[in-house]
Amino acid sequence: MTDSHQLCLEMGKERFRFCVIEPDNHQCIWLEDYTFPTLLTENPLLPSIRSIYQNHPILQSSYWKSIQVSVNSPSFTLVPSGLFRKEYAAQYLQLMRGNPLSLSEHALVYAHKKEGFHAVFSIDNALTDWLSATYPLQQITVVHQSSALIQATASVDSVLNSSQKLSLNFEDESVTIIFRKAGVFQYCNRFSFKNATDLLYYILYVINELKTEPKDLEVVLFGEITPFAEMYASLESFLPHIKFGSTPSGVQVTPAFDDLPEHRYFSLYGNTLID
């Protein structure tokens, strides 16, 4: 890999993913996906990532055209730009979480200028220190996973037929819900669930709060879900216009990835659209 390539990283307590993008044609030419054992998810993320980086021929490279990092965590909130004040970033998160940030973490902000809001999220001090030490000469853009999803769904929503679009991005036990009406972003939130019944309750609750009906929505699925999952069967019975998503518009994948479901790495590919 050379300094003409883009490195995209997605980091969470349950998994670590990265891909390498060829900027000239915006093609993904390399992708790796690591899942951490359940017993390790209560441990800090950094030791797991360090073990992956050790002697890795690509990740150890120090020179990239750009580096985009997304943090996959429940600790984030969105604030309308007209109300946002940078000095209150930690207080916005405290209001959302119900408790203040610990001494081992701090707040970061990413401005969604076209959408008109700021995404505020927390990140461990040790992780940002490690990123700076690992790529000392690089400009690193760090966002929350929801920001990558918002950017990616904006490109996909522009080619959908329905005027009301609900995007669902699945992790193992959580789902991020994004809603646009007539192309305008209106909603994003993340819910944890233990089973298909919980999942369906949250989705129907959101649909009710948005004052719309399942029959009026085009629903697109991304992430860790398959047509054979119990969750999919439950959703299909209540959401008549449901389908699996595809790679974000403008992002291509090498033919070597033809066997990968297009919807699975949607949030990772969304990093390539962060500027």
C-alpha atoms as a PDB file:
ATOM      1  CA  MET A   1       0.000   0.000   0.000  1.00  0.00           C
ATOM      2  CA  THR A   2       1.178   3.529  -0.711  1.00  0.00           C
ATOM      3  CA  ASP A   3       0.464   7.050   0.453  1.00  0.00           C
ATOM      4  CA  SER A   4      -2.144   7.321  -2.317  1.00  0.00           C
ATOM      5  CA  HIS A   5      -4.526   4.943  -0.524  1.00  0.00           C
ATOM      6  CA  GLN A   6      -7.224   5.657   2.066  1.00  0.00           C
ATOM      7  CA  LEU A   7      -7.362   3.642   5.303  1.00  0.00           C
ATOM      8  CA  CYS A   8     -10.751   3.207   6.992  1.00  0.00           C
ATOM      9  CA  LEU A   9     -11.011   1.718  10.484  1.00  0.00           C
ATOM     10  CA  GLU A  10     -14.117   0.740  12.467  1.00  0.00           C
ATOM     11  CA  MET A  11     -13.543   0.018  16.167  1.00  0.00           C
ATOM     12  CA  GLY A  12     -15.872  -1.440  18.775  1.00  0.00           C
ATOM     13  CA  LYS A  13     -15.667  -3.662  21.837  1.00  0.00           C
ATOM     14  CA  GLU A  14     -17.058  -6.636  19.913  1.00  0.00           C
ATOM     15  CA  ARG A  15     -15.164  -6.261  16.631  1.00  0.00           C
ATOM     16  CA  PHE A  16     -12.542  -4.432  14.620  1.00  0.00           C
ATOM     17  CA  ARG A  17     -12.726  -3.937  10.864  1.00  0.00           C
ATOM     18  CA  PHE A  18     -10.672  -2.097   8.330  1.00  0.00           C
ATOM     19  CA  CYS A  19     -10.547  -1.582   4.591  1.00  0.00           C
ATOM     20  CA  VAL A  20      -8.205   0.058   2.105  1.00  0.00           C
ATOM     21  CA  ILE A  21      -9.618   2.272  -0.632  1.00  0.00           C
ATOM     22  CA  GLU A  22      -8.047   3.150  -3.961  1.00  0.00           C
ATOM     23  CA  PRO A  23      -9.040   6.828  -4.280  1.00  0.00           C
ATOM     24  CA  ASP A  24      -8.841   7.092  -8.073  1.00  0.00           C
ATOM     25  CA  ASN A  25     -11.824   4.819  -8.638  1.00  0.00           C
ATOM     26  CA  HIS A  26     -13.038   4.678  -5.002  1.00  0.00           C
ATOM     27  CA  GLN A  27     -12.609   0.916  -4.989  1.00  0.00           C
ATOM     28  CA  CYS A  28     -12.193  -1.198  -1.856  1.00  0.00           C
ATOM     29  CA  ILE A  29      -9.170  -3.406  -2.533  1.00  0.00           C
ATOM     30  CA  TRP A  30      -8.603  -4.893   0.935  1.00  0.00           C
ATOM     31  CA  LEU A  31     -10.906  -5.733   3.842  1.00  0.00           C
ATOM     32  CA  GLU A  32     -10.381  -7.573   7.125  1.00  0.00           C
ATOM     33  CA  ASP A  33     -12.893  -8.287   9.898  1.00  0.00           C
ATOM     34  CA  TYR A  34     -12.017  -9.383  13.465  1.00  0.00           C
ATOM     35  CA  THR A  35     -14.516 -10.452  16.106  1.00  0.00           C
ATOM     36  CA  PHE A  36     -13.500 -10.471  19.747  1.00  0.00           C
ATOM     37  CA  PRO A  37     -14.658 -13.330  22.023  1.00  0.00           C
ATOM     38  CA  THR A  38     -17.697 -12.471  24.142  1.00  0.00           C
ATOM     39  CA  LEU A  39     -15.703 -12.904  27.328  1.00  0.00           C
ATOM     40  CA  LEU A  40     -13.396 -10.095  26.224  1.00  0.00           C
ATOM     41  CA  THR A  41     -16.037  -7.480  25.488  1.00  0.00           C
ATOM     42  CA  GLU A  42     -15.922  -6.126  29.028  1.00  0.00           C
ATOM     43  CA  ASN A  43     -12.196  -5.535  28.683  1.00  0.00           C
ATOM     44  CA  PRO A  44     -10.674  -2.376  27.155  1.00  0.00           C
ATOM     45  CA  LEU A  45     -10.643  -2.321  23.370  1.00  0.00           C
ATOM     46  CA  LEU A  46      -7.068  -1.187  22.938  1.00  0.00           C
ATOM     47  CA  PRO A  47      -5.206  -4.387  23.947  1.00  0.00           C
ATOM     48  CA  SER A  48      -7.230  -6.385  21.400  1.00  0.00           C
ATOM     49  CA  ILE A  49      -6.411  -3.927  18.624  1.00  0.00           C
ATOM     50  CA  ARG A  50      -2.741  -3.819  19.561  1.00  0.00           C
ATOM     51  CA  SER A  51      -2.519  -7.589  19.175  1.00  0.00           C
ATOM     52  CA  ILE A  52      -3.966  -7.291  15.640  1.00  0.00           C
ATOM     53  CA  TYR A  53      -1.594  -4.493  14.700  1.00  0.00           C
ATOM     54  CA  GLN A  54       1.489  -6.348  15.885  1.00  0.00           C
ATOM     55  CA  ASN A  55       3.504  -7.232  12.767  1.00  0.00           C
ATOM     56  CA  HIS A  56       0.507  -6.604  10.467  1.00  0.00           C
ATOM     57  CA  PRO A  57       2.009  -5.685   7.071  1.00  0.00           C
ATOM     58  CA  ILE A  58      -0.740  -3.224   6.095  1.00  0.00           C
ATOM     59  CA  LEU A  59      -1.818  -1.652   9.370  1.00  0.00           C
ATOM     60  CA  GLN A  60       1.785  -0.976  10.332  1.00  0.00           C
ATOM     61  CA  SER A  61       2.216   1.255   7.285  1.00  0.00           C
ATOM     62  CA  SER A  62       2.730   4.834   8.432  1.00  0.00           C
ATOM     63  CA  TYR A  63       1.797   6.743   5.280  1.00  0.00           C
ATOM     64  CA  TRP A  64      -1.736   7.054   3.921  1.00  0.00           C
ATOM     65  CA  LYS A  65      -3.504   9.617   1.809  1.00  0.00           C
ATOM     66  CA  SER A  66      -6.114   9.842   4.574  1.00  0.00           C
ATOM     67  CA  ILE A  67      -7.247   7.895   7.633  1.00  0.00           C
ATOM     68  CA  GLN A  68     -10.880   7.718   8.733  1.00  0.00           C
ATOM     69  CA  VAL A  69     -11.775   6.073  12.044  1.00  0.00           C
ATOM     70  CA  SER A  70     -15.292   5.312  13.266  1.00  0.00           C
ATOM     71  CA  VAL A  71     -16.049   4.380  16.863  1.00  0.00           C
ATOM     72  CA  ASN A  72     -18.842   1.872  17.397  1.00  0.00           C
ATOM     73  CA  SER A  73     -20.359   2.599  20.818  1.00  0.00           C
ATOM     74  CA  PRO A  74     -23.713   3.537  22.396  1.00  0.00           C
ATOM     75  CA  SER A  75     -22.336   6.839  23.719  1.00  0.00           C
ATOM     76  CA  PHE A  76     -23.378   9.470  21.159  1.00  0.00           C
ATOM     77  CA  THR A  77     -25.970  12.171  20.585  1.00  0.00           C
ATOM     78  CA  LEU A  78     -26.947  14.581  17.807  1.00  0.00           C
ATOM     79  CA  VAL A  79     -27.357  18.310  18.431  1.00  0.00           C
ATOM     80  CA  PRO A  80     -28.881  20.804  15.947  1.00  0.00           C
ATOM     81  CA  SER A  81     -26.121  23.128  14.737  1.00  0.00           C
ATOM     82  CA  GLY A  82     -28.055  26.224  15.757  1.00  0.00           C
ATOM     83  CA  LEU A  83     -28.071  25.047  19.377  1.00  0.00           C
ATOM     84  CA  PHE A  84     -24.591  23.499  19.481  1.00  0.00           C
ATOM     85  CA  ARG A  85     -21.824  24.957  21.653  1.00  0.00           C
ATOM     86  CA  LYS A  86     -18.468  23.196  21.593  1.00  0.00           C
ATOM     87  CA  GLU A  87     -17.750  23.919  25.265  1.00  0.00           C
ATOM     88  CA  TYR A  88     -20.875  21.972  26.264  1.00  0.00           C
ATOM     89  CA  ALA A  89     -20.000  18.779  24.357  1.00  0.00           C
ATOM     90  CA  ALA A  90     -19.439  16.705  27.503  1.00  0.00           C
ATOM     91  CA  GLN A  91     -22.700  18.016  29.023  1.00  0.00           C
ATOM     92  CA  TYR A  92     -24.689  16.921  25.946  1.00  0.00           C
ATOM     93  CA  LEU A  93     -23.380  13.396  26.456  1.00  0.00           C
ATOM     94  CA  GLN A  94     -24.063  13.506  30.181  1.00  0.00           C
ATOM     95  CA  LEU A  95     -27.679  14.451  29.479  1.00  0.00           C
ATOM     96  CA  MET A  96     -27.999  11.514  27.069  1.00  0.00           C
ATOM     97  CA  ARG A  97     -26.190   8.964  29.263  1.00  0.00           C
ATOM     98  CA  GLY A  98     -27.461  10.012  32.650  1.00  0.00           C
ATOM     99  CA  ASN A  99     -23.918  10.172  34.033  1.00  0.00           C
ATOM    100  CA  PRO A 100     -20.837  12.330  33.402  1.00  0.00           C
ATOM    101  CA  LEU A 101     -17.851  11.283  31.334  1.00  0.00           C
ATOM    102  CA  SER A 102     -15.191   9.457  33.307  1.00  0.00           C
ATOM    103  CA  LEU A 103     -11.638  10.753  33.632  1.00  0.00           C
ATOM    104  CA  SER A 104     -10.503   8.122  31.109  1.00  0.00           C
ATOM    105  CA  GLU A 105     -12.632   9.465  28.230  1.00  0.00           C
ATOM    106  CA  HIS A 106     -13.422  12.693  26.446  1.00  0.00           C
ATOM    107  CA  ALA A 107     -15.934  14.069  23.960  1.00  0.00           C
ATOM    108  CA  LEU A 108     -15.341  14.483  20.226  1.00  0.00           C
ATOM    109  CA  VAL A 109     -17.521  16.257  17.677  1.00  0.00           C
ATOM    110  CA  TYR A 110     -18.184  15.843  13.960  1.00  0.00           C
ATOM    111  CA  ALA A 111     -20.201  18.469  12.067  1.00  0.00           C
ATOM    112  CA  HIS A 112     -22.746  17.211   9.529  1.00  0.00           C
ATOM    113  CA  LYS A 113     -22.885  20.517   7.690  1.00  0.00           C
ATOM    114  CA  LYS A 114     -25.293  19.459   4.940  1.00  0.00           C
ATOM    115  CA  GLU A 115     -27.668  17.855   7.446  1.00  0.00           C
ATOM    116  CA  GLY A 116     -27.493  20.769   9.907  1.00  0.00           C
ATOM    117  CA  PHE A 117     -26.387  19.084  13.131  1.00  0.00           C
ATOM    118  CA  HIS A 118     -23.325  18.056  15.150  1.00  0.00           C
ATOM    119  CA  ALA A 119     -22.647  14.480  16.256  1.00  0.00           C
ATOM    120  CA  VAL A 120     -21.126  14.305  19.750  1.00  0.00           C
ATOM    121  CA  PHE A 121     -19.592  11.087  21.063  1.00  0.00           C
ATOM    122  CA  SER A 122     -17.182   9.838  23.685  1.00  0.00           C
ATOM    123  CA  ILE A 123     -13.893   8.041  23.141  1.00  0.00           C
ATOM    124  CA  ASP A 124     -11.254   6.644  25.477  1.00  0.00           C
ATOM    125  CA  ASN A 125      -8.246   8.880  26.019  1.00  0.00           C
ATOM    126  CA  ALA A 126      -5.975   5.869  25.564  1.00  0.00           C
ATOM    127  CA  LEU A 127      -7.423   5.129  22.132  1.00  0.00           C
ATOM    128  CA  THR A 128      -6.873   8.627  20.738  1.00  0.00           C
ATOM    129  CA  ASP A 129      -3.356   8.682  22.227  1.00  0.00           C
ATOM    130  CA  TRP A 130      -2.623   5.342  20.579  1.00  0.00           C
ATOM    131  CA  LEU A 131      -3.941   6.503  17.191  1.00  0.00           C
ATOM    132  CA  SER A 132      -1.761   9.606  17.342  1.00  0.00           C
ATOM    133  CA  ALA A 133       1.293   7.547  18.271  1.00  0.00           C
ATOM    134  CA  THR A 134       0.624   4.915  15.592  1.00  0.00           C
ATOM    135  CA  TYR A 135       0.121   7.450  12.791  1.00  0.00           C
ATOM    136  CA  PRO A 136       2.103  10.457  14.030  1.00  0.00           C
ATOM    137  CA  LEU A 137       2.463  12.216  10.676  1.00  0.00           C
ATOM    138  CA  GLN A 138      -1.098  11.660   9.456  1.00  0.00           C
ATOM    139  CA  GLN A 139      -4.272  13.673   9.635  1.00  0.00           C
ATOM    140  CA  ILE A 140      -6.801  11.340  11.301  1.00  0.00           C
ATOM    141  CA  THR A 141     -10.551  11.964  11.163  1.00  0.00           C
ATOM    142  CA  VAL A 142     -12.415  10.281  14.029  1.00  0.00           C
ATOM    143  CA  VAL A 143     -16.212   9.995  13.965  1.00  0.00           C
ATOM    144  CA  HIS A 144     -18.930   7.911  15.557  1.00  0.00           C
ATOM    145  CA  GLN A 145     -20.237   4.932  13.587  1.00  0.00           C
ATOM    146  CA  SER A 146     -23.604   6.677  13.297  1.00  0.00           C
ATOM    147  CA  SER A 147     -21.950   9.492  11.316  1.00  0.00           C
ATOM    148  CA  ALA A 148     -20.562   6.981   8.803  1.00  0.00           C
ATOM    149  CA  LEU A 149     -24.037   5.451   8.538  1.00  0.00           C
ATOM    150  CA  ILE A 150     -25.701   8.834   8.046  1.00  0.00           C
ATOM    151  CA  GLN A 151     -23.284   9.695   5.250  1.00  0.00           C
ATOM    152  CA  ALA A 152     -23.703   6.293   3.598  1.00  0.00           C
ATOM    153  CA  THR A 153     -27.501   6.186   3.834  1.00  0.00           C
ATOM    154  CA  ALA A 154     -27.690   9.651   2.292  1.00  0.00           C
ATOM    155  CA  SER A 155     -26.047   8.273  -0.857  1.00  0.00           C
ATOM    156  CA  VAL A 156     -28.318   5.206  -0.897  1.00  0.00           C
ATOM    157  CA  ASP A 157     -31.533   7.088  -0.111  1.00  0.00           C
ATOM    158  CA  SER A 158     -31.037   9.318  -3.127  1.00  0.00           C
ATOM    159  CA  VAL A 159     -31.708   6.352  -5.446  1.00  0.00           C
ATOM    160  CA  LEU A 160     -34.646   4.789  -3.562  1.00  0.00           C
ATOM    161  CA  ASN A 161     -38.191   5.235  -4.787  1.00  0.00           C
ATOM    162  CA  SER A 162     -40.062   5.842  -1.536  1.00  0.00           C
ATOM    163  CA  SER A 163     -40.377   9.304  -0.007  1.00  0.00           C
ATOM    164  CA  GLN A 164     -40.080   7.778   3.496  1.00  0.00           C
ATOM    165  CA  LYS A 165     -36.968   5.699   4.075  1.00  0.00           C
ATOM    166  CA  LEU A 166     -36.053   3.753   7.198  1.00  0.00           C
ATOM    167  CA  SER A 167     -32.511   2.347   7.356  1.00  0.00           C
ATOM    168  CA  LEU A 168     -31.692  -0.323   9.945  1.00  0.00           C
ATOM    169  CA  ASN A 169     -28.055  -1.197  10.666  1.00  0.00           C
ATOM    170  CA  PHE A 170     -27.624  -4.285  12.835  1.00  0.00           C
ATOM    171  CA  GLU A 171     -24.913  -5.266  15.271  1.00  0.00           C
ATOM    172  CA  ASP A 172     -25.075  -8.474  17.305  1.00  0.00           C
ATOM    173  CA  GLU A 173     -27.432  -7.002  19.922  1.00  0.00           C
ATOM    174  CA  SER A 174     -28.192  -3.478  18.752  1.00  0.00           C
ATOM    175  CA  VAL A 175     -29.721  -1.643  15.822  1.00  0.00           C
ATOM    176  CA  THR A 176     -29.182   1.911  14.562  1.00  0.00           C
ATOM    177  CA  ILE A 177     -32.323   3.420  13.022  1.00  0.00           C
ATOM    178  CA  ILE A 178     -32.115   6.296  10.523  1.00  0.00           C
ATOM    179  CA  PHE A 179     -35.161   7.957   8.978  1.00  0.00           C
ATOM    180  CA  ARG A 180     -35.440  10.395   6.081  1.00  0.00           C
ATOM    181  CA  LYS A 181     -38.558  11.939   4.615  1.00  0.00           C
ATOM    182  CA  ALA A 182     -38.442  13.420   1.119  1.00  0.00           C
ATOM    183  CA  GLY A 183     -34.673  13.164   1.309  1.00  0.00           C
ATOM    184  CA  VAL A 184     -34.436  15.192   4.532  1.00  0.00           C
ATOM    185  CA  PHE A 185     -32.742  13.613   7.555  1.00  0.00           C
ATOM    186  CA  GLN A 186     -35.127  13.494  10.524  1.00  0.00           C
ATOM    187  CA  TYR A 187     -34.097  10.786  12.982  1.00  0.00           C
ATOM    188  CA  CYS A 188     -31.219   8.629  14.206  1.00  0.00           C
ATOM    189  CA  ASN A 189     -31.015   6.519  17.346  1.00  0.00           C
ATOM    190  CA  ARG A 190     -29.560   3.250  18.550  1.00  0.00           C
ATOM    191  CA  PHE A 191     -31.364   0.554  20.543  1.00  0.00           C
ATOM    192  CA  SER A 192     -30.080  -2.549  22.293  1.00  0.00           C
ATOM    193  CA  PHE A 193     -32.173  -5.711  22.126  1.00  0.00           C
ATOM    194  CA  LYS A 194     -31.990  -9.327  23.284  1.00  0.00           C
ATOM    195  CA  ASN A 195     -34.446 -11.004  20.927  1.00  0.00           C
ATOM    196  CA  ALA A 196     -36.664 -10.456  17.895  1.00  0.00           C
ATOM    197  CA  THR A 197     -39.623  -9.374  20.082  1.00  0.00           C
ATOM    198  CA  ASP A 198     -37.591  -6.545  21.640  1.00  0.00           C
ATOM    199  CA  LEU A 199     -36.311  -5.496  18.243  1.00  0.00           C
ATOM    200  CA  LEU A 200     -39.765  -5.322  16.710  1.00  0.00           C
ATOM    201  CA  TYR A 201     -41.097  -3.344  19.674  1.00  0.00           C
ATOM    202  CA  TYR A 202     -38.421  -0.656  19.300  1.00  0.00           C
ATOM    203  CA  ILE A 203     -38.857  -0.362  15.545  1.00  0.00           C
ATOM    204  CA  LEU A 204     -42.641  -0.084  15.749  1.00  0.00           C
ATOM    205  CA  TYR A 205     -42.263   2.424  18.598  1.00  0.00           C
ATOM    206  CA  VAL A 206     -40.018   4.590  16.415  1.00  0.00           C
ATOM    207  CA  ILE A 207     -42.410   4.334  13.457  1.00  0.00           C
ATOM    208  CA  ASN A 208     -45.264   5.461  15.713  1.00  0.00           C
ATOM    209  CA  GLU A 209     -43.210   8.363  17.093  1.00  0.00           C
ATOM    210  CA  LEU A 210     -42.421   9.440  13.537  1.00  0.00           C
ATOM    211  CA  LYS A 211     -46.168   9.553  12.852  1.00  0.00           C
ATOM    212  CA  THR A 212     -46.030   7.264   9.862  1.00  0.00           C
ATOM    213  CA  GLU A 213     -47.171   3.732   8.995  1.00  0.00           C
ATOM    214  CA  PRO A 214     -45.200   0.574   8.149  1.00  0.00           C
ATOM    215  CA  LYS A 215     -46.935   0.331   4.768  1.00  0.00           C
ATOM    216  CA  ASP A 216     -45.644   3.801   3.827  1.00  0.00           C
ATOM    217  CA  LEU A 217     -41.989   3.031   4.537  1.00  0.00           C
ATOM    218  CA  GLU A 218     -39.244   1.652   2.367  1.00  0.00           C
ATOM    219  CA  VAL A 219     -37.082  -0.269   4.846  1.00  0.00           C
ATOM    220  CA  VAL A 220     -33.477  -1.149   4.031  1.00  0.00           C
ATOM    221  CA  LEU A 221     -31.383  -3.547   6.114  1.00  0.00           C
ATOM    222  CA  PHE A 222     -27.639  -3.374   6.692  1.00  0.00           C
ATOM    223  CA  GLY A 223     -25.040  -5.002   8.921  1.00  0.00           C
ATOM    224  CA  GLU A 224     -25.254  -8.283  10.822  1.00  0.00           C
ATOM    225  CA  ILE A 225     -28.523  -9.717   9.548  1.00  0.00           C
ATOM    226  CA  THR A 226     -29.358 -12.405   6.978  1.00  0.00           C
ATOM    227  CA  PRO A 227     -32.547 -13.533   5.183  1.00  0.00           C
ATOM    228  CA  PHE A 228     -32.491 -16.656   7.370  1.00  0.00           C
ATOM    229  CA  ALA A 229     -32.448 -14.856  10.732  1.00  0.00           C
ATOM    230  CA  GLU A 230     -35.417 -14.931  13.109  1.00  0.00           C
ATOM    231  CA  MET A 231     -35.171 -11.133  13.232  1.00  0.00           C
ATOM    232  CA  TYR A 232     -35.710 -10.892   9.490  1.00  0.00           C
ATOM    233  CA  ALA A 233     -38.803 -13.107   9.583  1.00  0.00           C
ATOM    234  CA  SER A 234     -40.298 -10.922  12.331  1.00  0.00           C
ATOM    235  CA  LEU A 235     -39.585  -7.705  10.465  1.00  0.00           C
ATOM    236  CA  GLU A 236     -40.907  -9.032   7.183  1.00  0.00           C
ATOM    237  CA  SER A 237     -44.261  -9.836   8.758  1.00  0.00           C
ATOM    238  CA  PHE A 238     -44.803  -6.208   9.828  1.00  0.00           C
ATOM    239  CA  LEU A 239     -42.878  -4.214   7.215  1.00  0.00           C
ATOM    240  CA  PRO A 240     -44.201  -4.925   3.718  1.00  0.00           C
ATOM    241  CA  HIS A 241     -41.541  -2.967   1.802  1.00  0.00           C
ATOM    242  CA  ILE A 242     -38.323  -4.427   3.146  1.00  0.00           C
ATOM    243  CA  LYS A 243     -35.083  -5.315   1.402  1.00  0.00           C
ATOM    244  CA  PHE A 244     -31.362  -5.709   1.974  1.00  0.00           C
ATOM    245  CA  GLY A 245     -29.106  -2.784   1.217  1.00  0.00           C
ATOM    246  CA  SER A 246     -26.142  -2.478  -1.095  1.00  0.00           C
ATOM    247  CA  THR A 247     -22.753  -0.806  -1.181  1.00  0.00           C
ATOM    248  CA  PRO A 248     -22.999   3.000  -0.813  1.00  0.00           C
ATOM    249  CA  SER A 249     -23.245   4.909  -4.072  1.00  0.00           C
ATOM    250  CA  GLY A 250     -19.810   5.770  -5.405  1.00  0.00           C
ATOM    251  CA  VAL A 251     -18.009   2.978  -3.545  1.00  0.00           C
ATOM    252  CA  GLN A 252     -16.846  -0.021  -5.552  1.00  0.00           C
ATOM    253  CA  VAL A 253     -15.452  -3.362  -4.390  1.00  0.00           C
ATOM    254  CA  THR A 254     -12.907  -5.570  -6.073  1.00  0.00           C
ATOM    255  CA  PRO A 255     -14.290  -8.741  -7.726  1.00  0.00           C
ATOM    256  CA  ALA A 256     -12.525 -10.753  -4.992  1.00  0.00           C
ATOM    257  CA  PHE A 257     -15.316  -9.595  -2.635  1.00  0.00           C
ATOM    258  CA  ASP A 258     -18.190 -10.829  -4.803  1.00  0.00           C
ATOM    259  CA  ASP A 259     -19.094 -13.490  -2.220  1.00  0.00           C
ATOM    260  CA  LEU A 260     -19.518 -10.908   0.573  1.00  0.00           C
ATOM    261  CA  PRO A 261     -23.092  -9.696   1.170  1.00  0.00           C
ATOM    262  CA  GLU A 262     -23.190  -6.081  -0.002  1.00  0.00           C
ATOM    263  CA  HIS A 263     -25.158  -4.927   3.031  1.00  0.00           C
ATOM    264  CA  ARG A 264     -22.835  -6.371   5.683  1.00  0.00           C
ATOM    265  CA  TYR A 265     -19.986  -3.833   5.645  1.00  0.00           C
ATOM    266  CA  PHE A 266     -22.111  -0.799   4.900  1.00  0.00           C
ATOM    267  CA  SER A 267     -20.989   1.185   7.972  1.00  0.00           C
ATOM    268  CA  LEU A 268     -17.314   0.490   7.225  1.00  0.00           C
ATOM    269  CA  TYR A 269     -17.721   1.617   3.618  1.00  0.00           C
ATOM    270  CA  GLY A 270     -19.480   4.707   4.953  1.00  0.00           C
ATOM    271  CA  ASN A 271     -16.153   5.840   6.395  1.00  0.00           C
ATOM    272  CA  THR A 272     -14.918   6.457   2.867  1.00  0.00           C
ATOM    273  CA  LEU A 273     -17.549   9.212   2.536  1.00  0.00           C
ATOM    274  CA  ILE A 274     -16.395  11.121   5.622  1.00  0.00           C
ATOM    275  CA  ASP A 275     -14.550  14.318   4.760  1.00  0.00           C
END
